[in-house]
PDB file of N, CA and C in Angstrom:
ATOM      1  N   MET A   1     120.177  69.624  70.604  1.00  0.00           N
ATOM      2  CA  MET A   1     121.217  69.485  71.618  1.00  0.00           C
ATOM      3  C   MET A   1     120.591  68.786  72.827  1.00  0.00           C
ATOM      4  N   LYS A   2     121.310  67.853  73.378  1.00  0.00           N
ATOM      5  CA  LYS A   2     120.800  67.088  74.502  1.00  0.00           C
ATOM      6  C   LYS A   2     120.615  67.975  75.721  1.00  0.00           C
ATOM      7  N   LYS A   3     119.781  67.496  76.627  1.00  0.00           N
ATOM      8  CA  LYS A   3     119.457  68.255  77.837  1.00  0.00           C
ATOM      9  C   LYS A   3     120.707  68.583  78.648  1.00  0.00           C
ATOM     10  N   ILE A   4     121.609  67.621  78.818  1.00  0.00           N
ATOM     11  CA  ILE A   4     122.823  67.855  79.613  1.00  0.00           C
ATOM     12  C   ILE A   4     123.719  68.890  78.935  1.00  0.00           C
ATOM     13  N   LEU A   5     123.791  68.855  77.604  1.00  0.00           N
ATOM     14  CA  LEU A   5     124.605  69.841  76.892  1.00  0.00           C
ATOM     15  C   LEU A   5     124.007  71.236  77.028  1.00  0.00           C
ATOM     16  N   ASN A   6     122.681  71.325  77.035  1.00  0.00           N
ATOM     17  CA  ASN A   6     122.042  72.623  77.266  1.00  0.00           C
ATOM     18  C   ASN A   6     122.371  73.139  78.661  1.00  0.00           C
ATOM     19  N   LYS A   7     122.388  72.232  79.623  1.00  0.00           N
ATOM     20  CA  LYS A   7     122.745  72.612  80.998  1.00  0.00           C
ATOM     21  C   LYS A   7     124.188  73.117  81.035  1.00  0.00           C
ATOM     22  N   TYR A   8     125.088  72.415  80.372  1.00  0.00           N
ATOM     23  CA  TYR A   8     126.494  72.835  80.331  1.00  0.00           C
ATOM     24  C   TYR A   8     126.645  74.167  79.591  1.00  0.00           C
ATOM     25  N   PHE A   9     125.854  74.351  78.535  1.00  0.00           N
ATOM     26  CA  PHE A   9     125.904  75.609  77.790  1.00  0.00           C
ATOM     27  C   PHE A   9     125.484  76.774  78.689  1.00  0.00           C
ATOM     28  N   GLU A  10     124.409  76.592  79.424  1.00  0.00           N
ATOM     29  CA  GLU A  10     123.951  77.639  80.342  1.00  0.00           C
ATOM     30  C   GLU A  10     124.996  77.905  81.423  1.00  0.00           C
ATOM     31  N   GLN A  11     125.669  76.855  81.862  1.00  0.00           N
ATOM     32  CA  GLN A  11     126.724  77.024  82.860  1.00  0.00           C
ATOM     33  C   GLN A  11     127.887  77.828  82.280  1.00  0.00           C
ATOM     34  N   LEU A  12     128.283  77.539  81.054  1.00  0.00           N
ATOM     35  CA  LEU A  12     129.351  78.307  80.408  1.00  0.00           C
ATOM     36  C   LEU A  12     128.962  79.777  80.281  1.00  0.00           C
ATOM     37  N   LYS A  13     127.716  80.037  79.917  1.00  0.00           N
ATOM     38  CA  LYS A  13     127.267  81.422  79.802  1.00  0.00           C
ATOM     39  C   LYS A  13     127.304  82.122  81.154  1.00  0.00           C
ATOM     40  N   SER A  14     126.858  81.451  82.195  1.00  0.00           N
ATOM     41  CA  SER A  14     126.824  82.091  83.516  1.00  0.00           C
ATOM     42  C   SER A  14     128.215  82.217  84.130  1.00  0.00           C
ATOM     43  N   GLU A  15     129.138  81.348  83.726  1.00  0.00           N
ATOM     44  CA  GLU A  15     130.511  81.378  84.241  1.00  0.00           C
ATOM     45  C   GLU A  15     131.483  81.849  83.162  1.00  0.00           C
ATOM     46  N   GLN A  16     131.001  82.692  82.267  1.00  0.00           N
ATOM     47  CA  GLN A  16     131.798  83.103  81.110  1.00  0.00           C
ATOM     48  C   GLN A  16     133.166  83.652  81.505  1.00  0.00           C
ATOM     49  N   GLN A  17     133.220  84.565  82.459  1.00  0.00           N
ATOM     50  CA  GLN A  17     134.495  85.175  82.850  1.00  0.00           C
ATOM     51  C   GLN A  17     135.444  84.126  83.433  1.00  0.00           C
ATOM     52  N   ILE A  18     134.923  83.243  84.259  1.00  0.00           N
ATOM     53  CA  ILE A  18     135.739  82.180  84.854  1.00  0.00           C
ATOM     54  C   ILE A  18     136.266  81.265  83.759  1.00  0.00           C
ATOM     55  N   PHE A  19     135.384  80.893  82.824  1.00  0.00           N
ATOM     56  CA  PHE A  19     135.796  80.011  81.736  1.00  0.00           C
ATOM     57  C   PHE A  19     136.851  80.670  80.855  1.00  0.00           C
ATOM     58  N   LEU A  20     136.650  81.938  80.506  1.00  0.00           N
ATOM     59  CA  LEU A  20     137.636  82.631  79.669  1.00  0.00           C
ATOM     60  C   LEU A  20     138.989  82.726  80.374  1.00  0.00           C
ATOM     61  N   ASN A  21     138.978  82.944  81.673  1.00  0.00           N
ATOM     62  CA  ASN A  21     140.239  82.960  82.426  1.00  0.00           C
ATOM     63  C   ASN A  21     140.886  81.579  82.445  1.00  0.00           C
ATOM     64  N   TYR A  22     140.061  80.529  82.522  1.00  0.00           N
ATOM     65  CA  TYR A  22     140.574  79.156  82.439  1.00  0.00           C
ATOM     66  C   TYR A  22     141.247  78.937  81.079  1.00  0.00           C
ATOM     67  N   LEU A  23     140.580  79.371  80.007  1.00  0.00           N
ATOM     68  CA  LEU A  23     141.165  79.237  78.664  1.00  0.00           C
ATOM     69  C   LEU A  23     142.492  79.974  78.569  1.00  0.00           C
ATOM     70  N   LYS A  24     142.523  81.174  79.122  1.00  0.00           N
ATOM     71  CA  LYS A  24     143.745  81.979  79.059  1.00  0.00           C
ATOM     72  C   LYS A  24     144.890  81.288  79.787  1.00  0.00           C
ATOM     73  N   ALA A  25     144.575  80.590  80.870  1.00  0.00           N
ATOM     74  CA  ALA A  25     145.604  79.876  81.625  1.00  0.00           C
ATOM     75  C   ALA A  25     146.107  78.650  80.868  1.00  0.00           C
ATOM     76  N   LYS A  26     145.261  78.062  80.034  1.00  0.00           N
ATOM     77  CA  LYS A  26     145.608  76.821  79.339  1.00  0.00           C
ATOM     78  C   LYS A  26     146.106  77.011  77.908  1.00  0.00           C
ATOM     79  N   PHE A  27     145.693  78.107  77.271  1.00  0.00           N
ATOM     80  CA  PHE A  27     146.011  78.340  75.865  1.00  0.00           C
ATOM     81  C   PHE A  27     146.505  79.774  75.693  1.00  0.00           C
ATOM     82  N   PRO A  28     147.219  80.049  74.610  1.00  0.00           N
ATOM     83  CA  PRO A  28     147.670  81.429  74.366  1.00  0.00           C
ATOM     84  C   PRO A  28     146.512  82.296  73.853  1.00  0.00           C
ATOM     85  N   VAL A  29     145.755  82.868  74.777  1.00  0.00           N
ATOM     86  CA  VAL A  29     144.611  83.708  74.431  1.00  0.00           C
ATOM     87  C   VAL A  29     144.918  85.136  74.861  1.00  0.00           C
ATOM     88  N   PHE A  30     144.964  86.039  73.898  1.00  0.00           N
ATOM     89  CA  PHE A  30     145.227  87.450  74.164  1.00  0.00           C
ATOM     90  C   PHE A  30     144.263  88.289  73.336  1.00  0.00           C
ATOM     91  N   HIS A  31     144.059  89.517  73.740  1.00  0.00           N
ATOM     92  CA  HIS A  31     143.251  90.450  72.953  1.00  0.00           C
ATOM     93  C   HIS A  31     143.872  90.573  71.556  1.00  0.00           C
ATOM     94  N   ASN A  32     143.050  90.473  70.539  1.00  0.00           N
ATOM     95  CA  ASN A  32     143.442  90.542  69.123  1.00  0.00           C
ATOM     96  C   ASN A  32     144.252  89.339  68.639  1.00  0.00           C
ATOM     97  N   SER A  33     144.320  88.270  69.419  1.00  0.00           N
ATOM     98  CA  SER A  33     145.016  87.068  68.942  1.00  0.00           C
ATOM     99  C   SER A  33     144.018  86.171  68.212  1.00  0.00           C
ATOM    100  N   ASN A  34     144.543  85.230  67.458  1.00  0.00           N
ATOM    101  CA  ASN A  34     143.703  84.224  66.819  1.00  0.00           C
ATOM    102  C   ASN A  34     143.400  83.133  67.826  1.00  0.00           C
ATOM    103  N   PHE A  35     142.223  82.550  67.700  1.00  0.00           N
ATOM    104  CA  PHE A  35     141.849  81.425  68.557  1.00  0.00           C
ATOM    105  C   PHE A  35     141.159  80.402  67.676  1.00  0.00           C
ATOM    106  N   PHE A  36     141.465  79.141  67.900  1.00  0.00           N
ATOM    107  CA  PHE A  36     141.031  78.074  67.014  1.00  0.00           C
ATOM    108  C   PHE A  36     139.962  77.199  67.664  1.00  0.00           C
ATOM    109  N   PHE A  37     139.102  76.652  66.819  1.00  0.00           N
ATOM    110  CA  PHE A  37     138.000  75.819  67.291  1.00  0.00           C
ATOM    111  C   PHE A  37     138.487  74.684  68.183  1.00  0.00           C
ATOM    112  N   ARG A  38     139.545  74.003  67.770  1.00  0.00           N
ATOM    113  CA  ARG A  38     140.001  72.845  68.537  1.00  0.00           C
ATOM    114  C   ARG A  38     140.465  73.254  69.935  1.00  0.00           C
ATOM    115  N   ASP A  39     141.052  74.448  70.075  1.00  0.00           N
ATOM    116  CA  ASP A  39     141.432  74.931  71.405  1.00  0.00           C
ATOM    117  C   ASP A  39     140.191  75.153  72.268  1.00  0.00           C
ATOM    118  N   LEU A  40     139.147  75.718  71.674  1.00  0.00           N
ATOM    119  CA  LEU A  40     137.900  75.915  72.411  1.00  0.00           C
ATOM    120  C   LEU A  40     137.291  74.572  72.784  1.00  0.00           C
ATOM    121  N   HIS A  41     137.295  73.658  71.844  1.00  0.00           N
ATOM    122  CA  HIS A  41     136.751  72.318  72.068  1.00  0.00           C
ATOM    123  C   HIS A  41     137.442  71.640  73.251  1.00  0.00           C
ATOM    124  N   TYR A  42     138.772  71.566  73.201  1.00  0.00           N
ATOM    125  CA  TYR A  42     139.503  70.912  74.291  1.00  0.00           C
ATOM    126  C   TYR A  42     139.442  71.725  75.577  1.00  0.00           C
ATOM    127  N   GLY A  43     139.332  73.040  75.457  1.00  0.00           N
ATOM    128  CA  GLY A  43     139.177  73.878  76.642  1.00  0.00           C
ATOM    129  C   GLY A  43     137.882  73.570  77.372  1.00  0.00           C
ATOM    130  N   ILE A  44     136.798  73.428  76.633  1.00  0.00           N
ATOM    131  CA  ILE A  44     135.503  73.098  77.233  1.00  0.00           C
ATOM    132  C   ILE A  44     135.551  71.712  77.856  1.00  0.00           C
ATOM    133  N   LYS A  45     136.117  70.759  77.142  1.00  0.00           N
ATOM    134  CA  LYS A  45     136.211  69.389  77.675  1.00  0.00           C
ATOM    135  C   LYS A  45     137.000  69.382  78.976  1.00  0.00           C
ATOM    136  N   GLY A  46     138.153  70.046  78.983  1.00  0.00           N
ATOM    137  CA  GLY A  46     138.985  70.093  80.180  1.00  0.00           C
ATOM    138  C   GLY A  46     138.329  70.839  81.326  1.00  0.00           C
ATOM    139  N   TYR A  47     137.621  71.907  81.017  1.00  0.00           N
ATOM    140  CA  TYR A  47     136.952  72.720  82.036  1.00  0.00           C
ATOM    141  C   TYR A  47     135.941  71.882  82.809  1.00  0.00           C
ATOM    142  N   PHE A  48     135.111  71.147  82.087  1.00  0.00           N
ATOM    143  CA  PHE A  48     134.100  70.344  82.770  1.00  0.00           C
ATOM    144  C   PHE A  48     134.708  69.129  83.462  1.00  0.00           C
ATOM    145  N   GLU A  49     135.725  68.532  82.879  1.00  0.00           N
ATOM    146  CA  GLU A  49     136.376  67.403  83.535  1.00  0.00           C
ATOM    147  C   GLU A  49     137.047  67.849  84.830  1.00  0.00           C
ATOM    148  N   LYS A  50     137.611  69.046  84.836  1.00  0.00           N
ATOM    149  CA  LYS A  50     138.235  69.588  86.045  1.00  0.00           C
ATOM    150  C   LYS A  50     137.184  69.793  87.141  1.00  0.00           C
ATOM    151  N   LYS A  51     135.955  70.055  86.744  1.00  0.00           N
ATOM    152  CA  LYS A  51     134.860  70.224  87.693  1.00  0.00           C
ATOM    153  C   LYS A  51     134.223  68.877  88.073  1.00  0.00           C
ATOM    154  N   GLY A  52     134.786  67.782  87.546  1.00  0.00           N
ATOM    155  CA  GLY A  52     134.272  66.458  87.867  1.00  0.00           C
ATOM    156  C   GLY A  52     133.043  66.064  87.067  1.00  0.00           C
ATOM    157  N   LYS A  53     132.802  66.745  85.950  1.00  0.00           N
ATOM    158  CA  LYS A  53     131.643  66.444  85.112  1.00  0.00           C
ATOM    159  C   LYS A  53     132.117  65.789  83.826  1.00  0.00           C
ATOM    160  N   LYS A  54     131.510  64.667  83.495  1.00  0.00           N
ATOM    161  CA  LYS A  54     131.899  63.956  82.280  1.00  0.00           C
ATOM    162  C   LYS A  54     131.211  64.575  81.078  1.00  0.00           C
ATOM    163  N   ILE A  55     131.986  64.688  80.012  1.00  0.00           N
ATOM    164  CA  ILE A  55     131.436  65.164  78.744  1.00  0.00           C
ATOM    165  C   ILE A  55     132.181  64.429  77.631  1.00  0.00           C
ATOM    166  N   SER A  56     131.445  63.914  76.689  1.00  0.00           N
ATOM    167  CA  SER A  56     132.055  63.136  75.609  1.00  0.00           C
ATOM    168  C   SER A  56     132.796  64.053  74.639  1.00  0.00           C
ATOM    169  N   TYR A  57     133.632  63.434  73.828  1.00  0.00           N
ATOM    170  CA  TYR A  57     134.358  64.173  72.797  1.00  0.00           C
ATOM    171  C   TYR A  57     133.369  64.862  71.864  1.00  0.00           C
ATOM    172  N   SER A  58     132.393  64.099  71.381  1.00  0.00           N
ATOM    173  CA  SER A  58     131.424  64.674  70.440  1.00  0.00           C
ATOM    174  C   SER A  58     130.526  65.702  71.123  1.00  0.00           C
ATOM    175  N   GLY A  59     130.196  65.464  72.385  1.00  0.00           N
ATOM    176  CA  GLY A  59     129.383  66.428  73.124  1.00  0.00           C
ATOM    177  C   GLY A  59     130.115  67.737  73.329  1.00  0.00           C
ATOM    178  N   SER A  60     131.389  67.646  73.680  1.00  0.00           N
ATOM    179  CA  SER A  60     132.172  68.870  73.885  1.00  0.00           C
ATOM    180  C   SER A  60     132.394  69.591  72.556  1.00  0.00           C
ATOM    181  N   GLN A  61     132.479  68.841  71.476  1.00  0.00           N
ATOM    182  CA  GLN A  61     132.626  69.451  70.150  1.00  0.00           C
ATOM    183  C   GLN A  61     131.357  70.215  69.775  1.00  0.00           C
ATOM    184  N   GLU A  62     130.216  69.604  70.010  1.00  0.00           N
ATOM    185  CA  GLU A  62     128.935  70.262  69.726  1.00  0.00           C
ATOM    186  C   GLU A  62     128.768  71.512  70.597  1.00  0.00           C
ATOM    187  N   LEU A  63     129.122  71.387  71.863  1.00  0.00           N
ATOM    188  CA  LEU A  63     129.027  72.508  72.794  1.00  0.00           C
ATOM    189  C   LEU A  63     129.970  73.639  72.394  1.00  0.00           C
ATOM    190  N   ALA A  64     131.150  73.298  71.914  1.00  0.00           N
ATOM    191  CA  ALA A  64     132.114  74.310  71.466  1.00  0.00           C
ATOM    192  C   ALA A  64     131.543  75.117  70.304  1.00  0.00           C
ATOM    193  N   GLY A  65     130.880  74.449  69.376  1.00  0.00           N
ATOM    194  CA  GLY A  65     130.270  75.158  68.256  1.00  0.00           C
ATOM    195  C   GLY A  65     129.200  76.129  68.711  1.00  0.00           C
ATOM    196  N   LYS A  66     128.367  75.683  69.630  1.00  0.00           N
ATOM    197  CA  LYS A  66     127.292  76.540  70.128  1.00  0.00           C
ATOM    198  C   LYS A  66     127.855  77.698  70.948  1.00  0.00           C
ATOM    199  N   PHE A  67     128.864  77.427  71.778  1.00  0.00           N
ATOM    200  CA  PHE A  67     129.437  78.486  72.610  1.00  0.00           C
ATOM    201  C   PHE A  67     130.216  79.486  71.757  1.00  0.00           C
ATOM    202  N   ALA A  68     130.853  79.015  70.698  1.00  0.00           N
ATOM    203  CA  ALA A  68     131.550  79.930  69.782  1.00  0.00           C
ATOM    204  C   ALA A  68     130.553  80.901  69.153  1.00  0.00           C
ATOM    205  N   GLU A  69     129.398  80.398  68.748  1.00  0.00           N
ATOM    206  CA  GLU A  69     128.353  81.275  68.199  1.00  0.00           C
ATOM    207  C   GLU A  69     127.919  82.304  69.235  1.00  0.00           C
ATOM    208  N   TYR A  70     127.775  81.865  70.467  1.00  0.00           N
ATOM    209  CA  TYR A  70     127.395  82.780  71.551  1.00  0.00           C
ATOM    210  C   TYR A  70     128.457  83.863  71.742  1.00  0.00           C
ATOM    211  N   LEU A  71     129.734  83.469  71.743  1.00  0.00           N
ATOM    212  CA  LEU A  71     130.809  84.448  71.912  1.00  0.00           C
ATOM    213  C   LEU A  71     130.868  85.413  70.727  1.00  0.00           C
ATOM    214  N   GLU A  72     130.512  84.939  69.542  1.00  0.00           N
ATOM    215  CA  GLU A  72     130.413  85.831  68.379  1.00  0.00           C
ATOM    216  C   GLU A  72     129.304  86.862  68.605  1.00  0.00           C
ATOM    217  N   GLU A  73     128.162  86.406  69.090  1.00  0.00           N
ATOM    218  CA  GLU A  73     127.045  87.311  69.368  1.00  0.00           C
ATOM    219  C   GLU A  73     127.427  88.349  70.423  1.00  0.00           C
ATOM    220  N   GLN A  74     128.262  87.958  71.378  1.00  0.00           N
ATOM    221  CA  GLN A  74     128.707  88.862  72.439  1.00  0.00           C
ATOM    222  C   GLN A  74     129.799  89.810  71.963  1.00  0.00           C
ATOM    223  N   GLY A  75     130.342  89.547  70.768  1.00  0.00           N
ATOM    224  CA  GLY A  75     131.406  90.386  70.227  1.00  0.00           C
ATOM    225  C   GLY A  75     132.788  90.038  70.748  1.00  0.00           C
ATOM    226  N   ILE A  76     132.899  88.934  71.473  1.00  0.00           N
ATOM    227  CA  ILE A  76     134.197  88.506  72.011  1.00  0.00           C
ATOM    228  C   ILE A  76     134.998  87.769  70.946  1.00  0.00           C
ATOM    229  N   PHE A  77     134.320  86.992  70.114  1.00  0.00           N
ATOM    230  CA  PHE A  77     134.947  86.317  68.984  1.00  0.00           C
ATOM    231  C   PHE A  77     134.519  87.029  67.702  1.00  0.00           C
ATOM    232  N   VAL A  78     135.487  87.304  66.850  1.00  0.00           N
ATOM    233  CA  VAL A  78     135.212  87.841  65.518  1.00  0.00           C
ATOM    234  C   VAL A  78     135.686  86.783  64.530  1.00  0.00           C
ATOM    235  N   LYS A  79     134.756  86.216  63.783  1.00  0.00           N
ATOM    236  CA  LYS A  79     135.071  85.099  62.887  1.00  0.00           C
ATOM    237  C   LYS A  79     136.009  85.547  61.774  1.00  0.00           C
ATOM    238  N   THR A  80     137.103  84.805  61.601  1.00  0.00           N
ATOM    239  CA  THR A  80     138.036  85.086  60.509  1.00  0.00           C
ATOM    240  C   THR A  80     138.029  83.973  59.476  1.00  0.00           C
ATOM    241  N   SER A  81     137.640  82.766  59.893  1.00  0.00           N
ATOM    242  CA  SER A  81     137.454  81.643  58.975  1.00  0.00           C
ATOM    243  C   SER A  81     136.493  80.669  59.644  1.00  0.00           C
ATOM    244  N   GLU A  82     136.250  79.548  59.011  1.00  0.00           N
ATOM    245  CA  GLU A  82     135.256  78.601  59.510  1.00  0.00           C
ATOM    246  C   GLU A  82     135.531  78.148  60.947  1.00  0.00           C
ATOM    247  N   LYS A  83     136.794  77.981  61.300  1.00  0.00           N
ATOM    248  CA  LYS A  83     137.130  77.476  62.635  1.00  0.00           C
ATOM    249  C   LYS A  83     138.164  78.341  63.347  1.00  0.00           C
ATOM    250  N   THR A  84     138.189  79.625  63.009  1.00  0.00           N
ATOM    251  CA  THR A  84     139.153  80.541  63.612  1.00  0.00           C
ATOM    252  C   THR A  84     138.480  81.872  63.907  1.00  0.00           C
ATOM    253  N   TRP A  85     138.849  82.447  65.047  1.00  0.00           N
ATOM    254  CA  TRP A  85     138.317  83.745  65.441  1.00  0.00           C
ATOM    255  C   TRP A  85     139.448  84.645  65.909  1.00  0.00           C
ATOM    256  N   LYS A  86     139.187  85.936  65.834  1.00  0.00           N
ATOM    257  CA  LYS A  86     140.054  86.915  66.481  1.00  0.00           C
ATOM    258  C   LYS A  86     139.395  87.214  67.820  1.00  0.00           C
ATOM    259  N   VAL A  87     140.193  87.244  68.882  1.00  0.00           N
ATOM    260  CA  VAL A  87     139.667  87.509  70.217  1.00  0.00           C
ATOM    261  C   VAL A  87     139.582  89.021  70.414  1.00  0.00           C
ATOM    262  N   ASP A  88     138.390  89.519  70.654  1.00  0.00           N
ATOM    263  CA  ASP A  88     138.182  90.945  70.929  1.00  0.00           C
ATOM    264  C   ASP A  88     137.737  91.070  72.387  1.00  0.00           C
ATOM    265  N   PHE A  89     138.721  90.972  73.276  1.00  0.00           N
ATOM    266  CA  PHE A  89     138.454  90.980  74.714  1.00  0.00           C
ATOM    267  C   PHE A  89     139.533  91.821  75.384  1.00  0.00           C
ATOM    268  N   PRO A  90     139.292  93.134  75.520  1.00  0.00           N
ATOM    269  CA  PRO A  90     140.319  94.045  76.037  1.00  0.00           C
ATOM    270  C   PRO A  90     140.899  93.649  77.399  1.00  0.00           C
ATOM    271  N   GLU A  91     140.151  92.888  78.191  1.00  0.00           N
ATOM    272  CA  GLU A  91     140.671  92.434  79.480  1.00  0.00           C
ATOM    273  C   GLU A  91     141.905  91.542  79.313  1.00  0.00           C
ATOM    274  N   PHE A  92     142.096  90.994  78.110  1.00  0.00           N
ATOM    275  CA  PHE A  92     143.226  90.101  77.850  1.00  0.00           C
ATOM    276  C   PHE A  92     144.376  90.798  77.127  1.00  0.00           C
ATOM    277  N   VAL A  93     144.417  92.121  77.175  1.00  0.00           N
ATOM    278  CA  VAL A  93     145.534  92.863  76.587  1.00  0.00           C
ATOM    279  C   VAL A  93     146.795  92.537  77.374  1.00  0.00           C
ATOM    280  N   THR A  94     147.886  92.294  76.665  1.00  0.00           N
ATOM    281  CA  THR A  94     149.157  92.066  77.353  1.00  0.00           C
ATOM    282  C   THR A  94     149.719  93.419  77.759  1.00  0.00           C
ATOM    283  N   THR A  95     150.191  93.503  78.995  1.00  0.00           N
ATOM    284  CA  THR A  95     150.662  94.786  79.518  1.00  0.00           C
ATOM    285  C   THR A  95     152.172  94.865  79.613  1.00  0.00           C
ATOM    286  N   VAL A  96     152.838  93.726  79.577  1.00  0.00           N
ATOM    287  CA  VAL A  96     154.294  93.718  79.696  1.00  0.00           C
ATOM    288  C   VAL A  96     154.891  93.626  78.300  1.00  0.00           C
ATOM    289  N   GLN A  97     155.702  94.585  77.951  1.00  0.00           N
ATOM    290  CA  GLN A  97     156.363  94.581  76.647  1.00  0.00           C
ATOM    291  C   GLN A  97     157.429  93.500  76.611  1.00  0.00           C
ATOM    292  N   GLY A  98     157.636  92.945  75.446  1.00  0.00           N
ATOM    293  CA  GLY A  98     158.693  91.963  75.257  1.00  0.00           C
ATOM    294  C   GLY A  98     160.052  92.629  75.187  1.00  0.00           C
ATOM    295  N   ASP A  99     161.076  91.839  75.144  1.00  0.00           N
ATOM    296  CA  ASP A  99     162.451  92.337  75.035  1.00  0.00           C
ATOM    297  C   ASP A  99     162.612  93.056  73.697  1.00  0.00           C
ATOM    298  N   PRO A 100     162.983  94.342  73.705  1.00  0.00           N
ATOM    299  CA  PRO A 100     163.086  95.081  72.449  1.00  0.00           C
ATOM    300  C   PRO A 100     164.312  94.718  71.623  1.00  0.00           C
ATOM    301  N   LEU A 101     165.223  93.942  72.168  1.00  0.00           N
ATOM    302  CA  LEU A 101     166.433  93.590  71.415  1.00  0.00           C
ATOM    303  C   LEU A 101     166.227  92.335  70.675  1.00  0.00           C
TER     304      LEU A 101
END
């Protein structure tokens, strides 16, 4: 992994809560929901672009793979298939019930 991608990876780890909240604002991320690799990929790309940092498509894809592994190690992502995870993050539990009718 290139030096800049390692720097971005360390930044994602140190800003994990901020990044996860960014993802939740941009994508349907809830506790026990499915989350897909491409959403993580585009989430990472958008996150750094919003901060004014350029990251290539392939670089953000590589970073998404590495960060997904990290989130698996943290127990936040539970792998269900090659590019899909279940989100195990109780902070993202939905508290408002839907319309029962």
